[in-house]
Amino acid sequence: MSNYREAALDSLYHQAVTDKVKAEASLKILLDHPAGIGDHSTEDLHNNLNQALSSLSDAEDRLETLKRFRNKSDEGFSLRDNDKKD
């Protein structure tokens, strides 16, 4: 990484991906394996589903926002300065 901006954006990107995967796993567990929830009430289940859905939406929104700062390359996630004028 050549500068702080790239390192910070790279970190934000990887955190959003991690949060997305965690939310997807939570939704899958809650929807496909309700017995794994234990002694929770139906209200708890719905609250947990809403929380996982909100987490997923938030992570996807952050990834969409970060697309403005990235430039695809063969090396994976690389970043560019959108403020530069050519």
Protein backbone atom coordinates (compact mmCIF):
# COMPACT_ATOMS: atom_id res chain seq x y z
CA MET A 1 0.00 0.00 0.00
CA SER A 2 1.42 3.28 -1.02
CA ASN A 3 -0.42 5.63 1.33
CA TYR A 4 -2.76 6.00 4.26
CA ARG A 5 -5.82 6.59 2.07
CA GLU A 6 -5.41 3.27 0.29
CA ALA A 7 -4.76 1.41 3.55
CA ALA A 8 -7.81 2.97 5.22
CA LEU A 9 -10.13 2.23 2.29
CA ASP A 10 -8.78 -1.30 2.01
CA SER A 11 -9.50 -1.83 5.69
CA LEU A 12 -13.05 -0.47 5.29
CA TYR A 13 -13.64 -2.76 2.32
CA HIS A 14 -12.48 -5.89 4.15
CA GLN A 15 -14.52 -5.00 7.24
CA ALA A 16 -17.66 -4.57 5.12
CA VAL A 17 -17.06 -7.94 3.43
CA THR A 18 -16.58 -9.57 6.84
CA ASP A 19 -19.76 -7.98 8.18
CA LYS A 20 -21.68 -9.12 5.11
CA VAL A 21 -20.54 -12.73 5.48
CA LYS A 22 -21.38 -12.69 9.21
CA ALA A 23 -24.87 -11.34 8.53
CA GLU A 24 -25.50 -13.89 5.78
CA ALA A 25 -24.40 -16.69 8.11
CA SER A 26 -26.69 -15.39 10.86
CA LEU A 27 -29.67 -15.23 8.50
CA LYS A 28 -28.97 -18.73 7.21
CA ILE A 29 -28.75 -20.15 10.73
CA LEU A 30 -31.87 -18.34 11.90
CA LEU A 31 -33.90 -19.27 8.82
CA ASP A 32 -32.63 -22.80 8.13
CA HIS A 33 -31.88 -24.08 11.64
CA PRO A 34 -34.35 -22.54 14.07
CA ALA A 35 -33.73 -25.35 16.57
CA GLY A 36 -30.26 -23.88 17.07
CA ILE A 37 -31.78 -20.78 18.59
CA GLY A 38 -32.52 -22.50 21.89
CA ASP A 39 -35.00 -21.19 24.46
CA HIS A 40 -35.63 -17.86 22.77
CA SER A 41 -39.13 -16.52 22.17
CA THR A 42 -40.64 -15.83 18.76
CA GLU A 43 -40.07 -12.15 19.43
CA ASP A 44 -36.38 -12.83 20.02
CA LEU A 45 -36.25 -14.70 16.71
CA HIS A 46 -37.85 -11.81 14.84
CA ASN A 47 -35.56 -9.30 16.54
CA ASN A 48 -32.52 -11.40 15.62
CA LEU A 49 -33.74 -11.74 12.02
CA ASN A 50 -34.25 -7.98 11.75
CA GLN A 51 -30.84 -7.31 13.26
CA ALA A 52 -29.14 -9.70 10.82
CA LEU A 53 -31.03 -8.18 7.89
CA SER A 54 -30.05 -4.67 8.96
CA SER A 55 -26.42 -5.76 9.31
CA LEU A 56 -26.51 -7.28 5.83
CA SER A 57 -28.08 -4.17 4.30
CA ASP A 58 -25.56 -1.93 6.05
CA ALA A 59 -22.60 -4.00 4.83
CA GLU A 60 -23.93 -4.06 1.25
CA ASP A 61 -24.50 -0.29 1.34
CA ARG A 62 -20.93 0.25 2.53
CA LEU A 63 -19.58 -1.97 -0.26
CA GLU A 64 -21.58 -0.02 -2.85
CA THR A 65 -20.26 3.25 -1.46
CA LEU A 66 -16.68 1.99 -1.55
CA LYS A 67 -17.03 1.13 -5.24
CA ARG A 68 -16.65 4.85 -5.93
CA PHE A 69 -13.17 4.65 -4.47
CA ARG A 70 -11.95 1.53 -6.17
CA ASN A 71 -10.56 0.71 -9.53
CA LYS A 72 -10.61 -2.95 -10.52
CA SER A 73 -7.28 -4.42 -11.49
CA ASP A 74 -5.72 -7.84 -11.88
CA GLU A 75 -4.32 -7.45 -8.37
CA GLY A 76 -7.75 -7.39 -6.72
CA PHE A 77 -9.06 -4.47 -4.70
CA SER A 78 -7.04 -1.42 -5.58
CA LEU A 79 -8.00 2.14 -4.90
CA ARG A 80 -7.83 5.36 -6.84
CA ASP A 81 -8.23 8.97 -5.92
CA ASN A 82 -11.59 10.09 -7.37
CA ASP A 83 -10.79 13.72 -6.61
CA LYS A 84 -8.01 13.91 -9.21
CA LYS A 85 -8.87 15.66 -12.44
CA ASP A 86 -7.23 14.36 -15.62
